[in-house]
């Protein structure tokens, strides 16, 4: 997992939620840092969890550049107001997934599992 958020506290809280679930988590405070991490990291990155609005580079732009490097990566955006940046004619574009801030650990994990296509039903 690659968490991109310019807010230190939220980035760290999200990292902890994912690490407690057993995920290896890389974190970046900016889109530029995230792209460098994606280029340098030897292991897999299954999911980009990115804030939508950040200084210098929007989350959508960072995710698009990383997706060119990491072809199979999935993307989940997190935002308090995603529609201004992620919508076309007032609707989310097909394939764009968003978890609204503030979110609970349960909501984040459920949305993440949905995006990754993981089975969340008990056996």
PDB file of N, CA and C in Angstrom:
ATOM      1  N   UNK A   1       0.840  -1.170   0.000  1.00  0.00           N
ATOM      2  CA  UNK A   1       0.000   0.000   0.000  1.00  0.00           C
ATOM      3  C   UNK A   1       0.887   1.234   0.000  1.00  0.00           C
ATOM      4  N   UNK A   2       0.420   2.260  -0.682  1.00  0.00           N
ATOM      5  CA  UNK A   2       1.103   3.545  -0.703  1.00  0.00           C
ATOM      6  C   UNK A   2       0.097   4.603  -0.292  1.00  0.00           C
ATOM      7  N   UNK A   3       0.316   5.208   0.865  1.00  0.00           N
ATOM      8  CA  UNK A   3      -0.562   6.243   1.390  1.00  0.00           C
ATOM      9  C   UNK A   3       0.053   7.601   1.085  1.00  0.00           C
ATOM     10  N   UNK A   4      -0.722   8.456   0.426  1.00  0.00           N
ATOM     11  CA  UNK A   4      -0.255   9.794   0.070  1.00  0.00           C
ATOM     12  C   UNK A   4      -1.195  10.815   0.704  1.00  0.00           C
ATOM     13  N   UNK A   5      -0.662  11.595   1.625  1.00  0.00           N
ATOM     14  CA  UNK A   5      -1.458  12.648   2.252  1.00  0.00           C
ATOM     15  C   UNK A   5      -0.518  13.688   2.825  1.00  0.00           C
ATOM     16  N   UNK A   6      -0.832  14.950   2.625  1.00  0.00           N
ATOM     17  CA  UNK A   6       0.025  16.013   3.127  1.00  0.00           C
ATOM     18  C   UNK A   6      -0.201  16.303   4.610  1.00  0.00           C
ATOM     19  N   UNK A   7      -1.222  15.731   5.219  1.00  0.00           N
ATOM     20  CA  UNK A   7      -1.480  15.906   6.649  1.00  0.00           C
ATOM     21  C   UNK A   7      -0.788  14.778   7.416  1.00  0.00           C
ATOM     22  N   UNK A   8       0.227  15.147   8.202  1.00  0.00           N
ATOM     23  CA  UNK A   8       1.032  14.156   8.922  1.00  0.00           C
ATOM     24  C   UNK A   8       0.194  13.235   9.796  1.00  0.00           C
ATOM     25  N   UNK A   9      -0.720  13.806  10.581  1.00  0.00           N
ATOM     26  CA  UNK A   9      -1.505  13.003  11.529  1.00  0.00           C
ATOM     27  C   UNK A   9      -2.402  12.001  10.798  1.00  0.00           C
ATOM     28  N   UNK A  10      -3.046  12.430   9.737  1.00  0.00           N
ATOM     29  CA  UNK A  10      -3.925  11.523   8.994  1.00  0.00           C
ATOM     30  C   UNK A  10      -3.117  10.446   8.286  1.00  0.00           C
ATOM     31  N   UNK A  11      -1.984  10.826   7.722  1.00  0.00           N
ATOM     32  CA  UNK A  11      -1.125   9.849   7.041  1.00  0.00           C
ATOM     33  C   UNK A  11      -0.664   8.775   8.024  1.00  0.00           C
ATOM     34  N   UNK A  12      -0.266   9.178   9.217  1.00  0.00           N
ATOM     35  CA  UNK A  12       0.204   8.220  10.219  1.00  0.00           C
ATOM     36  C   UNK A  12      -0.938   7.352  10.744  1.00  0.00           C
ATOM     37  N   UNK A  13      -2.090   7.941  10.988  1.00  0.00           N
ATOM     38  CA  UNK A  13      -3.245   7.159  11.454  1.00  0.00           C
ATOM     39  C   UNK A  13      -3.653   6.120  10.414  1.00  0.00           C
ATOM     40  N   UNK A  14      -3.648   6.519   9.162  1.00  0.00           N
ATOM     41  CA  UNK A  14      -3.996   5.591   8.084  1.00  0.00           C
ATOM     42  C   UNK A  14      -2.962   4.481   7.974  1.00  0.00           C
ATOM     43  N   UNK A  15      -1.696   4.838   8.111  1.00  0.00           N
ATOM     44  CA  UNK A  15      -0.633   3.826   8.081  1.00  0.00           C
ATOM     45  C   UNK A  15      -0.844   2.794   9.182  1.00  0.00           C
ATOM     46  N   UNK A  16      -1.173   3.266  10.369  1.00  0.00           N
ATOM     47  CA  UNK A  16      -1.392   2.338  11.499  1.00  0.00           C
ATOM     48  C   UNK A  16      -2.572   1.408  11.256  1.00  0.00           C
ATOM     49  N   UNK A  17      -3.666   1.956  10.740  1.00  0.00           N
ATOM     50  CA  UNK A  17      -4.849   1.135  10.442  1.00  0.00           C
ATOM     51  C   UNK A  17      -4.473   0.006   9.487  1.00  0.00           C
ATOM     52  N   UNK A  18      -3.753   0.339   8.425  1.00  0.00           N
ATOM     53  CA  UNK A  18      -3.385  -0.655   7.418  1.00  0.00           C
ATOM     54  C   UNK A  18      -2.336  -1.634   7.949  1.00  0.00           C
ATOM     55  N   UNK A  19      -1.369  -1.150   8.709  1.00  0.00           N
ATOM     56  CA  UNK A  19      -0.332  -2.031   9.259  1.00  0.00           C
ATOM     57  C   UNK A  19      -0.928  -3.031  10.237  1.00  0.00           C
ATOM     58  N   UNK A  20      -1.897  -2.577  11.046  1.00  0.00           N
ATOM     59  CA  UNK A  20      -2.550  -3.509  11.982  1.00  0.00           C
ATOM     60  C   UNK A  20      -3.288  -4.610  11.244  1.00  0.00           C
ATOM     61  N   UNK A  21      -3.689  -4.364  10.014  1.00  0.00           N
ATOM     62  CA  UNK A  21      -4.362  -5.364   9.193  1.00  0.00           C
ATOM     63  C   UNK A  21      -3.354  -6.250   8.472  1.00  0.00           C
ATOM     64  N   UNK A  22      -2.040  -5.980   8.692  1.00  0.00           N
ATOM     65  CA  UNK A  22      -1.010  -6.828   8.120  1.00  0.00           C
ATOM     66  C   UNK A  22      -0.422  -6.346   6.810  1.00  0.00           C
ATOM     67  N   UNK A  23      -0.792  -5.161   6.384  1.00  0.00           N
ATOM     68  CA  UNK A  23      -0.291  -4.626   5.122  1.00  0.00           C
ATOM     69  C   UNK A  23       1.064  -3.954   5.305  1.00  0.00           C
ATOM     70  N   UNK A  24       1.913  -4.089   4.310  1.00  0.00           N
ATOM     71  CA  UNK A  24       3.136  -3.302   4.248  1.00  0.00           C
ATOM     72  C   UNK A  24       2.726  -1.946   3.705  1.00  0.00           C
ATOM     73  N   UNK A  25       3.112  -0.887   4.412  1.00  0.00           N
ATOM     74  CA  UNK A  25       2.633   0.446   4.059  1.00  0.00           C
ATOM     75  C   UNK A  25       3.803   1.395   3.826  1.00  0.00           C
ATOM     76  N   UNK A  26       3.809   2.006   2.651  1.00  0.00           N
ATOM     77  CA  UNK A  26       4.726   3.102   2.339  1.00  0.00           C
ATOM     78  C   UNK A  26       3.922   4.384   2.495  1.00  0.00           C
ATOM     79  N   UNK A  27       4.564   5.444   2.960  1.00  0.00           N
ATOM     80  CA  UNK A  27       3.852   6.708   3.089  1.00  0.00           C
ATOM     81  C   UNK A  27       4.624   7.823   2.406  1.00  0.00           C
ATOM     82  N   UNK A  28       3.858   8.783   1.902  1.00  0.00           N
ATOM     83  CA  UNK A  28       4.449   9.945   1.241  1.00  0.00           C
ATOM     84  C   UNK A  28       3.626  11.176   1.593  1.00  0.00           C
ATOM     85  N   UNK A  29       4.322  12.295   1.793  1.00  0.00           N
ATOM     86  CA  UNK A  29       3.665  13.548   2.143  1.00  0.00           C
ATOM     87  C   UNK A  29       3.286  14.371   0.922  1.00  0.00           C
ATOM     88  N   UNK A  30       3.692  13.921  -0.256  1.00  0.00           N
ATOM     89  CA  UNK A  30       3.386  14.669  -1.486  1.00  0.00           C
ATOM     90  C   UNK A  30       3.325  13.716  -2.665  1.00  0.00           C
ATOM     91  N   UNK A  31       2.753  14.189  -3.743  1.00  0.00           N
ATOM     92  CA  UNK A  31       2.708  13.391  -4.964  1.00  0.00           C
ATOM     93  C   UNK A  31       4.093  13.092  -5.493  1.00  0.00           C
ATOM     94  N   UNK A  32       4.964  14.090  -5.447  1.00  0.00           N
ATOM     95  CA  UNK A  32       6.327  13.914  -5.943  1.00  0.00           C
ATOM     96  C   UNK A  32       7.069  12.830  -5.157  1.00  0.00           C
ATOM     97  N   UNK A  33       6.914  12.868  -3.830  1.00  0.00           N
ATOM     98  CA  UNK A  33       7.552  11.861  -2.984  1.00  0.00           C
ATOM     99  C   UNK A  33       6.980  10.474  -3.280  1.00  0.00           C
ATOM    100  N   UNK A  34       5.690  10.396  -3.499  1.00  0.00           N
ATOM    101  CA  UNK A  34       5.036   9.117  -3.793  1.00  0.00           C
ATOM    102  C   UNK A  34       5.550   8.521  -5.097  1.00  0.00           C
ATOM    103  N   UNK A  35       5.720   9.357  -6.106  1.00  0.00           N
ATOM    104  CA  UNK A  35       6.236   8.876  -7.391  1.00  0.00           C
ATOM    105  C   UNK A  35       7.647   8.327  -7.221  1.00  0.00           C
ATOM    106  N   UNK A  36       8.486   9.043  -6.470  1.00  0.00           N
ATOM    107  CA  UNK A  36       9.851   8.545  -6.216  1.00  0.00           C
ATOM    108  C   UNK A  36       9.825   7.205  -5.482  1.00  0.00           C
ATOM    109  N   UNK A  37       8.965   7.083  -4.476  1.00  0.00           N
ATOM    110  CA  UNK A  37       8.850   5.815  -3.746  1.00  0.00           C
ATOM    111  C   UNK A  37       8.420   4.681  -4.668  1.00  0.00           C
ATOM    112  N   UNK A  38       7.440   4.949  -5.515  1.00  0.00           N
ATOM    113  CA  UNK A  38       6.947   3.928  -6.439  1.00  0.00           C
ATOM    114  C   UNK A  38       8.033   3.485  -7.408  1.00  0.00           C
ATOM    115  N   UNK A  39       8.876   4.421  -7.823  1.00  0.00           N
ATOM    116  CA  UNK A  39       9.969   4.085  -8.731  1.00  0.00           C
ATOM    117  C   UNK A  39      11.054   3.269  -8.039  1.00  0.00           C
ATOM    118  N   UNK A  40      11.316   3.568  -6.782  1.00  0.00           N
ATOM    119  CA  UNK A  40      12.433   2.944  -6.067  1.00  0.00           C
ATOM    120  C   UNK A  40      12.063   1.659  -5.325  1.00  0.00           C
ATOM    121  N   UNK A  41      10.802   1.491  -4.959  1.00  0.00           N
ATOM    122  CA  UNK A  41      10.386   0.345  -4.148  1.00  0.00           C
ATOM    123  C   UNK A  41      10.473  -0.949  -4.954  1.00  0.00           C
ATOM    124  N   UNK A  42      11.169  -1.948  -4.391  1.00  0.00           N
ATOM    125  CA  UNK A  42      11.340  -3.229  -5.079  1.00  0.00           C
ATOM    126  C   UNK A  42      10.105  -4.121  -5.013  1.00  0.00           C
ATOM    127  N   UNK A  43       9.329  -4.004  -3.944  1.00  0.00           N
ATOM    128  CA  UNK A  43       8.170  -4.874  -3.767  1.00  0.00           C
ATOM    129  C   UNK A  43       6.954  -4.381  -4.532  1.00  0.00           C
ATOM    130  N   UNK A  44       5.881  -5.114  -4.362  1.00  0.00           N
ATOM    131  CA  UNK A  44       4.628  -4.765  -5.033  1.00  0.00           C
ATOM    132  C   UNK A  44       3.939  -3.614  -4.300  1.00  0.00           C
ATOM    133  N   UNK A  45       3.178  -2.864  -5.045  1.00  0.00           N
ATOM    134  CA  UNK A  45       2.274  -1.864  -4.491  1.00  0.00           C
ATOM    135  C   UNK A  45       0.906  -2.188  -5.070  1.00  0.00           C
ATOM    136  N   UNK A  46       0.028  -2.705  -4.222  1.00  0.00           N
ATOM    137  CA  UNK A  46      -1.289  -3.140  -4.683  1.00  0.00           C
ATOM    138  C   UNK A  46      -2.292  -1.997  -4.761  1.00  0.00           C
ATOM    139  N   UNK A  47      -2.099  -1.005  -3.865  1.00  0.00           N
ATOM    140  CA  UNK A  47      -3.099   0.050  -3.769  1.00  0.00           C
ATOM    141  C   UNK A  47      -2.437   1.382  -3.452  1.00  0.00           C
ATOM    142  N   UNK A  48      -2.896   2.410  -4.130  1.00  0.00           N
ATOM    143  CA  UNK A  48      -2.555   3.787  -3.778  1.00  0.00           C
ATOM    144  C   UNK A  48      -3.766   4.339  -3.047  1.00  0.00           C
ATOM    145  N   UNK A  49      -3.554   4.826  -1.851  1.00  0.00           N
ATOM    146  CA  UNK A  49      -4.598   5.485  -1.068  1.00  0.00           C
ATOM    147  C   UNK A  49      -4.171   6.941  -0.974  1.00  0.00           C
ATOM    148  N   UNK A  50      -4.809   7.805  -1.752  1.00  0.00           N
ATOM    149  CA  UNK A  50      -4.333   9.179  -1.899  1.00  0.00           C
ATOM    150  C   UNK A  50      -5.385  10.208  -1.558  1.00  0.00           C
ATOM    151  N   UNK A  51      -4.940  11.238  -0.836  1.00  0.00           N
ATOM    152  CA  UNK A  51      -5.760  12.424  -0.662  1.00  0.00           C
ATOM    153  C   UNK A  51      -5.987  13.013  -2.044  1.00  0.00           C
ATOM    154  N   UNK A  52      -7.100  13.685  -2.224  1.00  0.00           N
ATOM    155  CA  UNK A  52      -7.416  14.271  -3.518  1.00  0.00           C
ATOM    156  C   UNK A  52      -6.696  15.599  -3.704  1.00  0.00           C
ATOM    157  N   UNK A  53      -6.837  16.493  -2.728  1.00  0.00           N
ATOM    158  CA  UNK A  53      -6.281  17.828  -2.843  1.00  0.00           C
ATOM    159  C   UNK A  53      -5.037  17.957  -1.971  1.00  0.00           C
ATOM    160  N   UNK A  54      -3.913  18.207  -2.630  1.00  0.00           N
ATOM    161  CA  UNK A  54      -2.642  18.415  -1.942  1.00  0.00           C
ATOM    162  C   UNK A  54      -1.899  19.543  -2.646  1.00  0.00           C
ATOM    163  N   UNK A  55      -0.989  20.213  -1.933  1.00  0.00           N
ATOM    164  CA  UNK A  55      -0.199  21.268  -2.581  1.00  0.00           C
ATOM    165  C   UNK A  55       0.692  20.687  -3.688  1.00  0.00           C
ATOM    166  N   UNK A  56       1.023  21.485  -4.647  1.00  0.00           N
ATOM    167  CA  UNK A  56       1.907  21.170  -5.774  1.00  0.00           C
ATOM    168  C   UNK A  56       1.322  20.162  -6.759  1.00  0.00           C
ATOM    169  N   UNK A  57       0.794  19.039  -6.297  1.00  0.00           N
ATOM    170  CA  UNK A  57       0.304  18.010  -7.209  1.00  0.00           C
ATOM    171  C   UNK A  57      -0.945  17.360  -6.627  1.00  0.00           C
ATOM    172  N   UNK A  58      -2.027  17.352  -7.390  1.00  0.00           N
ATOM    173  CA  UNK A  58      -3.257  16.702  -6.948  1.00  0.00           C
ATOM    174  C   UNK A  58      -3.060  15.189  -6.864  1.00  0.00           C
ATOM    175  N   UNK A  59      -3.804  14.556  -6.007  1.00  0.00           N
ATOM    176  CA  UNK A  59      -3.721  13.112  -5.859  1.00  0.00           C
ATOM    177  C   UNK A  59      -3.991  12.370  -7.149  1.00  0.00           C
ATOM    178  N   UNK A  60      -4.917  12.878  -7.941  1.00  0.00           N
ATOM    179  CA  UNK A  60      -5.253  12.238  -9.221  1.00  0.00           C
ATOM    180  C   UNK A  60      -4.052  12.219 -10.156  1.00  0.00           C
ATOM    181  N   UNK A  61      -3.306  13.325 -10.204  1.00  0.00           N
ATOM    182  CA  UNK A  61      -2.123  13.408 -11.058  1.00  0.00           C
ATOM    183  C   UNK A  61      -1.032  12.452 -10.576  1.00  0.00           C
ATOM    184  N   UNK A  62      -0.809  12.417  -9.262  1.00  0.00           N
ATOM    185  CA  UNK A  62       0.200  11.509  -8.708  1.00  0.00           C
ATOM    186  C   UNK A  62      -0.175  10.057  -8.992  1.00  0.00           C
ATOM    187  N   UNK A  63      -1.443   9.709  -8.774  1.00  0.00           N
ATOM    188  CA  UNK A  63      -1.896   8.337  -9.020  1.00  0.00           C
ATOM    189  C   UNK A  63      -1.733   7.952 -10.482  1.00  0.00           C
ATOM    190  N   UNK A  64      -2.034   8.877 -11.387  1.00  0.00           N
ATOM    191  CA  UNK A  64      -1.898   8.587 -12.823  1.00  0.00           C
ATOM    192  C   UNK A  64      -0.440   8.333 -13.194  1.00  0.00           C
ATOM    193  N   UNK A  65       0.467   9.117 -12.642  1.00  0.00           N
ATOM    194  CA  UNK A  65       1.884   8.914 -12.943  1.00  0.00           C
ATOM    195  C   UNK A  65       2.400   7.603 -12.355  1.00  0.00           C
ATOM    196  N   UNK A  66       1.954   7.274 -11.156  1.00  0.00           N
ATOM    197  CA  UNK A  66       2.373   6.007 -10.542  1.00  0.00           C
ATOM    198  C   UNK A  66       1.790   4.826 -11.312  1.00  0.00           C
ATOM    199  N   UNK A  67       0.564   4.950 -11.786  1.00  0.00           N
ATOM    200  CA  UNK A  67      -0.064   3.867 -12.548  1.00  0.00           C
ATOM    201  C   UNK A  67       0.684   3.573 -13.847  1.00  0.00           C
ATOM    202  N   UNK A  68       1.381   4.552 -14.388  1.00  0.00           N
ATOM    203  CA  UNK A  68       2.204   4.307 -15.578  1.00  0.00           C
ATOM    204  C   UNK A  68       3.433   3.471 -15.225  1.00  0.00           C
ATOM    205  N   UNK A  69       3.906   3.586 -13.992  1.00  0.00           N
ATOM    206  CA  UNK A  69       5.059   2.819 -13.509  1.00  0.00           C
ATOM    207  C   UNK A  69       4.619   1.451 -13.014  1.00  0.00           C
ATOM    208  N   UNK A  70       3.515   1.432 -12.294  1.00  0.00           N
ATOM    209  CA  UNK A  70       2.970   0.229 -11.660  1.00  0.00           C
ATOM    210  C   UNK A  70       1.641  -0.098 -12.330  1.00  0.00           C
ATOM    211  N   UNK A  71       1.686  -0.888 -13.353  1.00  0.00           N
ATOM    212  CA  UNK A  71       0.521  -1.135 -14.217  1.00  0.00           C
ATOM    213  C   UNK A  71      -0.689  -1.737 -13.493  1.00  0.00           C
ATOM    214  N   UNK A  72      -0.477  -2.596 -12.500  1.00  0.00           N
ATOM    215  CA  UNK A  72      -1.585  -3.292 -11.854  1.00  0.00           C
ATOM    216  C   UNK A  72      -2.083  -2.627 -10.584  1.00  0.00           C
ATOM    217  N   UNK A  73      -1.602  -1.441 -10.265  1.00  0.00           N
ATOM    218  CA  UNK A  73      -1.979  -0.792  -9.013  1.00  0.00           C
ATOM    219  C   UNK A  73      -3.424  -0.294  -9.084  1.00  0.00           C
ATOM    220  N   UNK A  74      -4.111  -0.413  -7.970  1.00  0.00           N
ATOM    221  CA  UNK A  74      -5.470   0.122  -7.835  1.00  0.00           C
ATOM    222  C   UNK A  74      -5.369   1.438  -7.085  1.00  0.00           C
ATOM    223  N   UNK A  75      -6.389   2.265  -7.210  1.00  0.00           N
ATOM    224  CA  UNK A  75      -6.372   3.582  -6.582  1.00  0.00           C
ATOM    225  C   UNK A  75      -7.667   3.810  -5.812  1.00  0.00           C
ATOM    226  N   UNK A  76      -7.508   4.307  -4.595  1.00  0.00           N
ATOM    227  CA  UNK A  76      -8.631   4.731  -3.766  1.00  0.00           C
ATOM    228  C   UNK A  76      -8.308   6.135  -3.271  1.00  0.00           C
ATOM    229  N   UNK A  77      -9.174   7.081  -3.607  1.00  0.00           N
ATOM    230  CA  UNK A  77      -8.973   8.448  -3.154  1.00  0.00           C
ATOM    231  C   UNK A  77      -9.691   8.655  -1.835  1.00  0.00           C
ATOM    232  N   UNK A  78      -9.160   9.558  -1.015  1.00  0.00           N
ATOM    233  CA  UNK A  78      -9.813   9.934   0.233  1.00  0.00           C
ATOM    234  C   UNK A  78      -9.895  11.456   0.268  1.00  0.00           C
ATOM    235  N   UNK A  79     -11.089  11.948   0.609  1.00  0.00           N
ATOM    236  CA  UNK A  79     -11.263  13.389   0.610  1.00  0.00           C
ATOM    237  C   UNK A  79     -12.528  13.797   1.324  1.00  0.00           C
ATOM    238  N   UNK A  80     -12.480  15.004   1.849  1.00  0.00           N
ATOM    239  CA  UNK A  80     -13.676  15.591   2.433  1.00  0.00           C
ATOM    240  C   UNK A  80     -14.572  16.219   1.376  1.00  0.00           C
ATOM    241  N   UNK A  81     -13.990  16.548   0.228  1.00  0.00           N
ATOM    242  CA  UNK A  81     -14.772  17.165  -0.856  1.00  0.00           C
ATOM    243  C   UNK A  81     -14.206  16.746  -2.211  1.00  0.00           C
ATOM    244  N   UNK A  82     -14.363  15.472  -2.585  1.00  0.00           N
ATOM    245  CA  UNK A  82     -13.749  14.980  -3.815  1.00  0.00           C
ATOM    246  C   UNK A  82     -14.402  15.452  -5.093  1.00  0.00           C
ATOM    247  N   UNK A  83     -15.648  15.836  -5.018  1.00  0.00           N
ATOM    248  CA  UNK A  83     -16.380  16.062  -6.254  1.00  0.00           C
ATOM    249  C   UNK A  83     -15.863  17.222  -7.085  1.00  0.00           C
ATOM    250  N   UNK A  84     -15.261  18.218  -6.455  1.00  0.00           N
ATOM    251  CA  UNK A  84     -14.774  19.349  -7.235  1.00  0.00           C
ATOM    252  C   UNK A  84     -13.612  18.971  -8.145  1.00  0.00           C
ATOM    253  N   UNK A  85     -12.846  17.965  -7.779  1.00  0.00           N
ATOM    254  CA  UNK A  85     -11.657  17.592  -8.536  1.00  0.00           C
ATOM    255  C   UNK A  85     -11.847  16.295  -9.319  1.00  0.00           C
ATOM    256  N   UNK A  86     -12.663  15.402  -8.817  1.00  0.00           N
ATOM    257  CA  UNK A  86     -12.784  14.080  -9.411  1.00  0.00           C
ATOM    258  C   UNK A  86     -14.023  13.877 -10.277  1.00  0.00           C
ATOM    259  N   UNK A  87     -14.839  14.899 -10.424  1.00  0.00           N
ATOM    260  CA  UNK A  87     -16.085  14.696 -11.157  1.00  0.00           C
ATOM    261  C   UNK A  87     -16.031  15.265 -12.563  1.00  0.00           C
ATOM    262  N   UNK A  88     -16.893  14.723 -13.365  1.00  0.00           N
ATOM    263  CA  UNK A  88     -17.127  15.241 -14.707  1.00  0.00           C
ATOM    264  C   UNK A  88     -18.634  15.428 -14.805  1.00  0.00           C
ATOM    265  N   UNK A  89     -19.069  16.635 -15.005  1.00  0.00           N
ATOM    266  CA  UNK A  89     -20.486  16.967 -15.070  1.00  0.00           C
ATOM    267  C   UNK A  89     -21.227  16.553 -13.801  1.00  0.00           C
ATOM    268  N   UNK A  90     -20.556  16.720 -12.650  1.00  0.00           N
ATOM    269  CA  UNK A  90     -21.189  16.449 -11.366  1.00  0.00           C
ATOM    270  C   UNK A  90     -21.217  15.000 -10.939  1.00  0.00           C
ATOM    271  N   UNK A  91     -20.643  14.099 -11.729  1.00  0.00           N
ATOM    272  CA  UNK A  91     -20.640  12.675 -11.389  1.00  0.00           C
ATOM    273  C   UNK A  91     -19.212  12.160 -11.377  1.00  0.00           C
ATOM    274  N   UNK A  92     -18.955  11.200 -10.481  1.00  0.00           N
ATOM    275  CA  UNK A  92     -17.642  10.563 -10.482  1.00  0.00           C
ATOM    276  C   UNK A  92     -17.452   9.815 -11.785  1.00  0.00           C
ATOM    277  N   UNK A  93     -16.276   9.898 -12.329  1.00  0.00           N
ATOM    278  CA  UNK A  93     -15.984   9.175 -13.562  1.00  0.00           C
ATOM    279  C   UNK A  93     -15.936   7.677 -13.269  1.00  0.00           C
ATOM    280  N   UNK A  94     -16.264   6.845 -14.252  1.00  0.00           N
ATOM    281  CA  UNK A  94     -16.226   5.398 -14.045  1.00  0.00           C
ATOM    282  C   UNK A  94     -14.844   4.954 -13.561  1.00  0.00           C
ATOM    283  N   UNK A  95     -14.840   4.086 -12.571  1.00  0.00           N
ATOM    284  CA  UNK A  95     -13.593   3.544 -12.061  1.00  0.00           C
ATOM    285  C   UNK A  95     -12.946   4.373 -10.965  1.00  0.00           C
ATOM    286  N   UNK A  96     -13.460   5.565 -10.693  1.00  0.00           N
ATOM    287  CA  UNK A  96     -12.913   6.401  -9.627  1.00  0.00           C
ATOM    288  C   UNK A  96     -13.591   6.021  -8.319  1.00  0.00           C
ATOM    289  N   UNK A  97     -12.791   5.640  -7.348  1.00  0.00           N
ATOM    290  CA  UNK A  97     -13.306   5.217  -6.047  1.00  0.00           C
ATOM    291  C   UNK A  97     -12.865   6.210  -4.983  1.00  0.00           C
ATOM    292  N   UNK A  98     -13.783   6.554  -4.071  1.00  0.00           N
ATOM    293  CA  UNK A  98     -13.504   7.546  -3.039  1.00  0.00           C
ATOM    294  C   UNK A  98     -14.051   7.067  -1.700  1.00  0.00           C
ATOM    295  N   UNK A  99     -13.266   7.279  -0.652  1.00  0.00           N
ATOM    296  CA  UNK A  99     -13.746   7.108   0.713  1.00  0.00           C
ATOM    297  C   UNK A  99     -13.744   8.510   1.314  1.00  0.00           C
ATOM    298  N   UNK A 100     -14.881   8.891   1.886  1.00  0.00           N
ATOM    299  CA  UNK A 100     -15.042  10.249   2.401  1.00  0.00           C
ATOM    300  C   UNK A 100     -14.361  10.410   3.758  1.00  0.00           C
ATOM    301  N   UNK A 101     -13.700  11.554   3.916  1.00  0.00           N
ATOM    302  CA  UNK A 101     -13.127  11.933   5.206  1.00  0.00           C
ATOM    303  C   UNK A 101     -14.192  12.707   5.967  1.00  0.00           C
ATOM    304  N   UNK A 102     -14.263  12.570   7.251  1.00  0.00           N
ATOM    305  CA  UNK A 102     -13.494  11.626   8.064  1.00  0.00           C
ATOM    306  C   UNK A 102     -14.068  10.231   7.916  1.00  0.00           C
ATOM    307  N   UNK A 103     -13.209   9.230   8.008  1.00  0.00           N
ATOM    308  CA  UNK A 103     -13.651   7.845   7.898  1.00  0.00           C
ATOM    309  C   UNK A 103     -13.229   7.082   9.141  1.00  0.00           C
ATOM    310  N   UNK A 104     -13.952   6.004   9.396  1.00  0.00           N
ATOM    311  CA  UNK A 104     -13.567   5.094  10.476  1.00  0.00           C
ATOM    312  C   UNK A 104     -12.623   4.051   9.901  1.00  0.00           C
ATOM    313  N   UNK A 105     -11.909   3.370  10.771  1.00  0.00           N
ATOM    314  CA  UNK A 105     -11.032   2.287  10.314  1.00  0.00           C
ATOM    315  C   UNK A 105     -11.840   1.248   9.561  1.00  0.00           C
ATOM    316  N   UNK A 106     -13.019   0.923  10.067  1.00  0.00           N
ATOM    317  CA  UNK A 106     -13.862  -0.093   9.438  1.00  0.00           C
ATOM    318  C   UNK A 106     -14.289   0.340   8.041  1.00  0.00           C
ATOM    319  N   UNK A 107     -14.673   1.599   7.897  1.00  0.00           N
ATOM    320  CA  UNK A 107     -15.118   2.092   6.582  1.00  0.00           C
ATOM    321  C   UNK A 107     -13.964   2.112   5.590  1.00  0.00           C
ATOM    322  N   UNK A 108     -12.799   2.558   6.041  1.00  0.00           N
ATOM    323  CA  UNK A 108     -11.625   2.575   5.167  1.00  0.00           C
ATOM    324  C   UNK A 108     -11.274   1.171   4.713  1.00  0.00           C
ATOM    325  N   UNK A 109     -11.215   0.233   5.647  1.00  0.00           N
ATOM    326  CA  UNK A 109     -10.845  -1.140   5.297  1.00  0.00           C
ATOM    327  C   UNK A 109     -11.876  -1.786   4.372  1.00  0.00           C
ATOM    328  N   UNK A 110     -13.143  -1.531   4.627  1.00  0.00           N
ATOM    329  CA  UNK A 110     -14.194  -2.098   3.766  1.00  0.00           C
ATOM    330  C   UNK A 110     -14.086  -1.547   2.344  1.00  0.00           C
ATOM    331  N   UNK A 111     -13.873  -0.253   2.207  1.00  0.00           N
ATOM    332  CA  UNK A 111     -13.763   0.354   0.880  1.00  0.00           C
ATOM    333  C   UNK A 111     -12.499  -0.128   0.179  1.00  0.00           C
ATOM    334  N   UNK A 112     -11.410  -0.241   0.927  1.00  0.00           N
ATOM    335  CA  UNK A 112     -10.151  -0.727   0.375  1.00  0.00           C
ATOM    336  C   UNK A 112     -10.318  -2.162  -0.144  1.00  0.00           C
ATOM    337  N   UNK A 113     -10.960  -3.009   0.643  1.00  0.00           N
ATOM    338  CA  UNK A 113     -11.185  -4.394   0.230  1.00  0.00           C
ATOM    339  C   UNK A 113     -12.085  -4.463  -0.996  1.00  0.00           C
ATOM    340  N   UNK A 114     -13.052  -3.564  -1.070  1.00  0.00           N
ATOM    341  CA  UNK A 114     -13.922  -3.494  -2.243  1.00  0.00           C
ATOM    342  C   UNK A 114     -13.113  -3.138  -3.490  1.00  0.00           C
ATOM    343  N   UNK A 115     -12.268  -2.136  -3.381  1.00  0.00           N
ATOM    344  CA  UNK A 115     -11.456  -1.695  -4.516  1.00  0.00           C
ATOM    345  C   UNK A 115     -10.486  -2.800  -4.958  1.00  0.00           C
ATOM    346  N   UNK A 116      -9.948  -3.517  -3.996  1.00  0.00           N
ATOM    347  CA  UNK A 116      -8.988  -4.597  -4.310  1.00  0.00           C
ATOM    348  C   UNK A 116      -9.685  -5.886  -4.734  1.00  0.00           C
ATOM    349  N   UNK A 117     -11.011  -5.933  -4.580  1.00  0.00           N
ATOM    350  CA  UNK A 117     -11.744  -7.139  -4.960  1.00  0.00           C
ATOM    351  C   UNK A 117     -11.542  -8.288  -3.992  1.00  0.00           C
ATOM    352  N   UNK A 118     -11.286  -7.954  -2.724  1.00  0.00           N
ATOM    353  CA  UNK A 118     -11.080  -8.985  -1.719  1.00  0.00           C
ATOM    354  C   UNK A 118     -12.425  -9.452  -1.171  1.00  0.00           C
ATOM    355  N   UNK A 119     -12.496 -10.697  -0.800  1.00  0.00           N
ATOM    356  CA  UNK A 119     -13.702 -11.272  -0.239  1.00  0.00           C
ATOM    357  C   UNK A 119     -13.813 -10.826   1.214  1.00  0.00           C
ATOM    358  N   UNK A 120     -14.839 -10.061   1.536  1.00  0.00           N
ATOM    359  CA  UNK A 120     -15.019  -9.590   2.902  1.00  0.00           C
ATOM    360  C   UNK A 120     -16.062 -10.397   3.660  1.00  0.00           C
ATOM    361  N   UNK A 121     -16.669 -11.365   3.006  1.00  0.00           N
ATOM    362  CA  UNK A 121     -17.664 -12.203   3.664  1.00  0.00           C
ATOM    363  C   UNK A 121     -16.981 -13.248   4.555  1.00  0.00           C
ATOM    364  N   UNK A 122     -17.534 -13.512   5.748  1.00  0.00           N
ATOM    365  CA  UNK A 122     -16.964 -14.560   6.602  1.00  0.00           C
ATOM    366  C   UNK A 122     -17.114 -15.935   5.956  1.00  0.00           C
ATOM    367  N   UNK A 123     -16.150 -16.782   6.206  1.00  0.00           N
ATOM    368  CA  UNK A 123     -16.151 -18.141   5.619  1.00  0.00           C
ATOM    369  C   UNK A 123     -17.181 -19.015   6.267  1.00  0.00           C
TER     370      UNK A 123
END
